[in-house]
C-alpha atoms as a PDB file:
ATOM      1  CA  MET A   1       5.822 -61.528 159.574  1.00  0.00           C
ATOM      2  CA  THR A   2       4.790 -58.397 161.389  1.00  0.00           C
ATOM      3  CA  GLN A   3       1.308 -58.036 162.818  1.00  0.00           C
ATOM      4  CA  TYR A   4      -0.698 -54.908 162.041  1.00  0.00           C
ATOM      5  CA  LEU A   5      -3.809 -53.457 163.628  1.00  0.00           C
ATOM      6  CA  VAL A   6      -6.277 -52.203 161.039  1.00  0.00           C
ATOM      7  CA  SER A   7      -8.857 -50.310 163.088  1.00  0.00           C
ATOM      8  CA  ILE A   8     -12.181 -48.982 161.887  1.00  0.00           C
ATOM      9  CA  GLN A   9     -12.905 -45.452 163.116  1.00  0.00           C
ATOM     10  CA  HIS A  10     -16.562 -44.646 163.800  1.00  0.00           C
ATOM     11  CA  PRO A  11     -17.708 -41.080 164.481  1.00  0.00           C
ATOM     12  CA  GLU A  12     -19.115 -40.632 167.998  1.00  0.00           C
ATOM     13  CA  ASN A  13     -22.655 -40.418 166.618  1.00  0.00           C
ATOM     14  CA  TYR A  14     -22.270 -43.525 164.410  1.00  0.00           C
ATOM     15  CA  ASP A  15     -25.570 -45.245 163.705  1.00  0.00           C
ATOM     16  CA  PRO A  16     -25.031 -48.969 163.033  1.00  0.00           C
ATOM     17  CA  SER A  17     -28.567 -49.268 161.678  1.00  0.00           C
ATOM     18  CA  LEU A  18     -27.280 -47.538 158.523  1.00  0.00           C
ATOM     19  CA  GLU A  19     -25.099 -50.551 157.715  1.00  0.00           C
ATOM     20  CA  GLY A  20     -26.928 -51.994 154.762  1.00  0.00           C
ATOM     21  CA  GLU A  21     -26.706 -55.393 153.146  1.00  0.00           C
ATOM     22  CA  ALA A  22     -24.220 -54.105 150.556  1.00  0.00           C
ATOM     23  CA  MET A  23     -21.805 -52.985 153.257  1.00  0.00           C
ATOM     24  CA  ILE A  24     -22.128 -56.263 155.165  1.00  0.00           C
ATOM     25  CA  ARG A  25     -21.547 -58.156 151.916  1.00  0.00           C
ATOM     26  CA  ASP A  26     -18.467 -56.006 151.119  1.00  0.00           C
ATOM     27  CA  ILE A  27     -16.968 -56.613 154.566  1.00  0.00           C
ATOM     28  CA  GLY A  28     -17.654 -60.342 154.225  1.00  0.00           C
ATOM     29  CA  ALA A  29     -15.898 -60.391 150.863  1.00  0.00           C
ATOM     30  CA  LEU A  30     -12.933 -58.519 152.362  1.00  0.00           C
ATOM     31  CA  ASN A  31     -12.722 -61.045 155.217  1.00  0.00           C
ATOM     32  CA  GLU A  32     -12.755 -63.894 152.685  1.00  0.00           C
ATOM     33  CA  ALA A  33      -9.987 -62.225 150.658  1.00  0.00           C
ATOM     34  CA  MET A  34      -7.891 -61.719 153.806  1.00  0.00           C
ATOM     35  CA  ASP A  35      -8.396 -65.381 154.741  1.00  0.00           C
ATOM     36  CA  ALA A  36      -7.509 -66.570 151.229  1.00  0.00           C
ATOM     37  CA  ALA A  37      -4.293 -64.524 151.363  1.00  0.00           C
ATOM     38  CA  GLY A  38      -3.446 -65.874 154.810  1.00  0.00           C
ATOM     39  CA  ALA A  39      -3.351 -62.334 156.197  1.00  0.00           C
ATOM     40  CA  ARG A  40      -6.192 -62.348 158.747  1.00  0.00           C
ATOM     41  CA  PHE A  41      -5.069 -63.400 162.214  1.00  0.00           C
ATOM     42  CA  PHE A  42      -8.099 -62.082 164.112  1.00  0.00           C
ATOM     43  CA  ALA A  43     -11.000 -59.695 163.595  1.00  0.00           C
ATOM     44  CA  GLY A  44     -13.711 -58.294 165.813  1.00  0.00           C
ATOM     45  CA  GLY A  45     -16.333 -55.611 166.134  1.00  0.00           C
ATOM     46  CA  LEU A  46     -16.835 -53.520 169.246  1.00  0.00           C
ATOM     47  CA  GLU A  47     -19.903 -52.109 170.931  1.00  0.00           C
ATOM     48  CA  SER A  48     -20.220 -48.321 170.818  1.00  0.00           C
ATOM     49  CA  ALA A  49     -17.861 -46.277 172.990  1.00  0.00           C
ATOM     50  CA  SER A  50     -20.800 -45.234 175.157  1.00  0.00           C
ATOM     51  CA  HIS A  51     -20.842 -48.821 176.507  1.00  0.00           C
ATOM     52  CA  ALA A  52     -17.150 -48.725 177.470  1.00  0.00           C
ATOM     53  CA  LYS A  53     -15.805 -48.749 181.015  1.00  0.00           C
ATOM     54  CA  SER A  54     -12.628 -46.853 181.886  1.00  0.00           C
ATOM     55  CA  LEU A  55     -10.324 -47.838 184.723  1.00  0.00           C
ATOM     56  CA  ARG A  56      -7.864 -45.481 186.425  1.00  0.00           C
ATOM     57  CA  LYS A  57      -5.471 -46.089 189.266  1.00  0.00           C
ATOM     58  CA  GLN A  58      -6.105 -43.671 192.126  1.00  0.00           C
ATOM     59  CA  PRO A  59      -3.432 -42.119 194.414  1.00  0.00           C
ATOM     60  CA  ASP A  60      -4.501 -44.472 197.236  1.00  0.00           C
ATOM     61  CA  GLY A  61      -3.785 -47.517 195.045  1.00  0.00           C
ATOM     62  CA  GLN A  62      -7.444 -48.326 194.367  1.00  0.00           C
ATOM     63  CA  VAL A  63      -8.807 -48.559 190.823  1.00  0.00           C
ATOM     64  CA  ALA A  64     -11.779 -46.403 189.868  1.00  0.00           C
ATOM     65  CA  VAL A  65     -14.204 -47.648 187.208  1.00  0.00           C
ATOM     66  CA  THR A  66     -16.245 -45.074 185.301  1.00  0.00           C
ATOM     67  CA  ASP A  67     -18.751 -45.297 182.460  1.00  0.00           C
ATOM     68  CA  GLY A  68     -17.702 -44.270 178.987  1.00  0.00           C
ATOM     69  CA  PRO A  69     -14.507 -44.203 176.960  1.00  0.00           C
ATOM     70  CA  TYR A  70     -11.166 -43.201 178.450  1.00  0.00           C
ATOM     71  CA  LEU A  71     -10.643 -40.421 175.928  1.00  0.00           C
ATOM     72  CA  GLU A  72     -13.118 -37.834 174.767  1.00  0.00           C
ATOM     73  CA  ALA A  73     -12.861 -38.012 171.021  1.00  0.00           C
ATOM     74  CA  LYS A  74     -14.894 -37.425 167.906  1.00  0.00           C
ATOM     75  CA  GLU A  75     -14.082 -40.930 166.638  1.00  0.00           C
ATOM     76  CA  HIS A  76     -13.780 -44.295 168.378  1.00  0.00           C
ATOM     77  CA  ILE A  77     -12.661 -47.750 167.308  1.00  0.00           C
ATOM     78  CA  GLY A  78     -15.694 -49.630 166.052  1.00  0.00           C
ATOM     79  CA  GLY A  79     -13.920 -52.818 165.028  1.00  0.00           C
ATOM     80  CA  PHE A  80     -10.574 -54.101 163.901  1.00  0.00           C
ATOM     81  CA  TRP A  81      -8.500 -56.712 162.151  1.00  0.00           C
ATOM     82  CA  ILE A  82      -5.144 -58.042 163.242  1.00  0.00           C
ATOM     83  CA  LEU A  83      -3.283 -58.933 160.078  1.00  0.00           C
ATOM     84  CA  GLU A  84       0.010 -60.672 159.457  1.00  0.00           C
ATOM     85  CA  CYS A  85       1.721 -58.859 156.604  1.00  0.00           C
ATOM     86  CA  ALA A  86       5.179 -58.737 155.084  1.00  0.00           C
ATOM     87  CA  ASP A  87       5.405 -54.957 155.530  1.00  0.00           C
ATOM     88  CA  MET A  88       3.462 -51.716 156.011  1.00  0.00           C
ATOM     89  CA  ASP A  89       2.760 -51.448 152.282  1.00  0.00           C
ATOM     90  CA  GLU A  90       0.882 -54.756 152.330  1.00  0.00           C
ATOM     91  CA  ALA A  91      -1.018 -53.701 155.482  1.00  0.00           C
ATOM     92  CA  LEU A  92      -1.925 -50.384 153.833  1.00  0.00           C
ATOM     93  CA  ALA A  93      -3.257 -52.229 150.783  1.00  0.00           C
ATOM     94  CA  TRP A  94      -5.663 -54.109 153.092  1.00  0.00           C
ATOM     95  CA  GLY A  95      -6.450 -50.839 154.880  1.00  0.00           C
ATOM     96  CA  ARG A  96      -7.462 -49.236 151.584  1.00  0.00           C
ATOM     97  CA  LYS A  97      -9.857 -52.111 150.951  1.00  0.00           C
ATOM     98  CA  ALA A  98     -11.227 -51.779 154.487  1.00  0.00           C
ATOM     99  CA  VAL A  99     -11.981 -48.074 153.939  1.00  0.00           C
ATOM    100  CA  VAL A 100     -14.020 -48.953 150.858  1.00  0.00           C
ATOM    101  CA  ALA A 101     -15.837 -51.889 152.479  1.00  0.00           C
ATOM    102  CA  CYS A 102     -16.579 -50.180 155.806  1.00  0.00           C
ATOM    103  CA  ARG A 103     -17.235 -46.698 154.409  1.00  0.00           C
ATOM    104  CA  VAL A 104     -15.463 -45.036 157.364  1.00  0.00           C
ATOM    105  CA  PRO A 105     -11.861 -44.008 158.095  1.00  0.00           C
ATOM    106  CA  VAL A 106      -9.338 -46.726 158.978  1.00  0.00           C
ATOM    107  CA  GLU A 107      -6.043 -46.560 160.864  1.00  0.00           C
ATOM    108  CA  VAL A 108      -3.158 -48.994 160.271  1.00  0.00           C
ATOM    109  CA  ARG A 109      -0.467 -49.510 162.920  1.00  0.00           C
ATOM    110  CA  ALA A 110       2.240 -52.113 163.390  1.00  0.00           C
ATOM    111  CA  PHE A 111       2.493 -53.984 166.670  1.00  0.00           C
ATOM    112  CA  LEU A 112       5.705 -53.356 168.579  1.00  0.00           C
ATOM    113  CA  LYS A 113       8.170 -56.196 168.599  1.00  0.00           C
ATOM    114  CA  PHE A 114       9.293 -56.863 172.138  1.00  0.00           C
ATOM    115  CA  ARG A 115      12.406 -58.817 172.942  1.00  0.00           C
ATOM    116  CA  PRO A 116      12.582 -60.509 176.325  1.00  0.00           C
ATOM    117  CA  ASN A 117      15.450 -59.467 178.546  1.00  0.00           C
ATOM    118  CA  ARG A 118      17.975 -62.268 178.710  1.00  0.00           C
ATOM    119  CA  LYS A 119      20.832 -62.412 181.126  1.00  0.00           C
END
Protein backbone atom coordinates (compact mmCIF):
# COMPACT_ATOMS: atom_id res chain seq x y z
CA MET A 1 0.00 0.00 0.00
CA THR A 2 1.08 3.55 -0.64
CA GLN A 3 1.38 6.03 2.19
CA TYR A 4 -0.29 9.43 1.87
CA LEU A 5 0.15 12.64 3.81
CA VAL A 6 -3.17 14.29 4.61
CA SER A 7 -2.18 17.70 5.96
CA ILE A 8 -4.44 20.22 7.65
CA GLN A 9 -3.87 23.78 6.43
CA HIS A 10 -4.38 26.52 9.01
CA PRO A 11 -4.46 30.20 8.01
CA GLU A 12 -1.58 32.20 9.51
CA ASN A 13 -3.94 33.87 11.97
CA TYR A 14 -5.58 30.58 13.05
CA ASP A 15 -7.02 30.73 16.55
CA PRO A 16 -7.09 27.25 18.13
CA SER A 17 -9.37 28.51 20.89
CA LEU A 18 -12.19 28.44 18.31
CA GLU A 19 -11.98 24.64 18.14
CA GLY A 20 -15.16 23.67 19.91
CA GLU A 21 -16.25 20.38 21.39
CA ALA A 22 -18.13 19.46 18.20
CA MET A 23 -14.99 19.80 16.11
CA ILE A 24 -12.91 17.79 18.58
CA ARG A 25 -15.61 15.12 18.62
CA ASP A 26 -15.71 15.05 14.78
CA ILE A 27 -11.94 14.65 14.54
CA GLY A 28 -12.04 11.90 17.17
CA ALA A 29 -14.72 10.08 15.19
CA LEU A 30 -12.64 10.43 12.01
CA ASN A 31 -9.59 8.99 13.80
CA GLU A 32 -11.69 6.05 15.00
CA ALA A 33 -12.99 5.44 11.47
CA MET A 34 -9.45 5.55 10.06
CA ASP A 35 -8.30 3.08 12.73
CA ALA A 36 -11.25 0.75 12.07
CA ALA A 37 -10.41 0.77 8.35
CA GLY A 38 -6.74 0.11 9.06
CA ALA A 39 -5.79 3.29 7.20
CA ARG A 40 -4.19 5.42 9.94
CA PHE A 41 -0.45 4.86 10.26
CA PHE A 42 0.33 8.00 12.27
CA ALA A 43 -1.28 11.33 13.13
CA GLY A 44 -0.11 14.46 14.90
CA GLY A 45 -0.87 18.09 15.52
CA LEU A 46 1.71 20.85 15.28
CA GLU A 47 2.26 24.03 17.23
CA SER A 48 1.64 27.25 15.29
CA ALA A 49 4.16 28.23 12.62
CA SER A 50 5.25 31.17 14.77
CA HIS A 51 6.92 28.62 17.09
CA ALA A 52 8.90 27.01 14.25
CA LYS A 53 12.66 27.19 13.82
CA SER A 54 14.20 27.29 10.35
CA LEU A 55 17.68 26.01 9.57
CA ARG A 56 19.75 27.07 6.56
CA LYS A 57 23.21 26.05 5.49
CA GLN A 58 25.47 29.08 5.13
CA PRO A 59 28.25 29.52 2.50
CA ASP A 60 30.89 28.89 5.21
CA GLY A 61 29.35 25.48 5.99
CA GLN A 62 27.73 26.57 9.26
CA VAL A 63 23.99 26.19 9.85
CA ALA A 64 21.98 29.25 10.83
CA VAL A 65 18.89 28.83 13.01
CA THR A 66 16.19 31.51 12.83
CA ASP A 67 12.79 31.91 14.46
CA GLY A 68 9.68 31.31 12.41
CA PRO A 69 8.68 29.17 9.46
CA TYR A 70 10.95 28.62 6.47
CA LEU A 71 8.40 29.96 4.02
CA GLU A 72 6.29 33.06 4.31
CA ALA A 73 2.82 31.82 3.54
CA LYS A 74 -0.79 32.57 4.28
CA GLU A 75 -1.37 28.97 5.41
CA HIS A 76 0.74 26.52 7.40
CA ILE A 77 0.44 22.85 8.29
CA GLY A 78 -1.43 22.60 11.57
CA GLY A 79 -1.53 18.81 11.79
CA PHE A 80 -1.48 15.73 9.65
CA TRP A 81 -2.25 12.07 9.17
CA ILE A 82 -0.09 9.52 7.44
CA LEU A 83 -2.46 7.01 5.89
CA GLU A 84 -1.90 3.71 4.14
CA CYS A 85 -4.31 3.56 1.23
CA ALA A 86 -4.76 1.46 -1.88
CA ASP A 87 -4.70 4.52 -4.14
CA MET A 88 -5.17 8.30 -4.36
CA ASP A 89 -8.94 7.93 -4.61
CA GLU A 90 -9.07 6.24 -1.21
CA ALA A 91 -6.75 8.90 0.27
CA LEU A 92 -8.95 11.65 -1.20
CA ALA A 93 -12.03 10.07 0.38
CA TRP A 94 -10.33 10.39 3.80
CA GLY A 95 -9.22 13.91 2.87
CA ARG A 96 -12.83 14.90 2.18
CA LYS A 97 -13.80 13.66 5.63
CA ALA A 98 -10.88 15.55 7.17
CA VAL A 99 -12.03 18.82 5.55
CA VAL A 100 -15.46 18.38 7.14
CA ALA A 101 -14.12 17.36 10.56
CA CYS A 102 -11.36 19.99 10.77
CA ARG A 103 -13.27 22.81 9.06
CA VAL A 104 -10.13 23.99 7.21
CA PRO A 105 -8.50 23.12 3.87
CA VAL A 106 -6.62 19.82 3.56
CA GLU A 107 -3.89 18.71 1.17
CA VAL A 108 -3.35 15.07 0.14
CA ARG A 109 0.01 13.92 -1.25
CA ALA A 110 1.54 10.50 -1.84
CA PHE A 111 4.93 9.69 -0.39
CA LEU A 112 7.61 9.00 -2.98
CA LYS A 113 8.66 5.41 -3.32
CA PHE A 114 12.43 5.18 -3.21
CA ARG A 115 14.32 2.17 -4.44
CA PRO A 116 17.77 1.57 -3.01
CA ASN A 117 20.60 1.48 -5.51
CA ARG A 118 21.80 -2.08 -5.90
CA LYS A 119 24.94 -3.07 -7.67
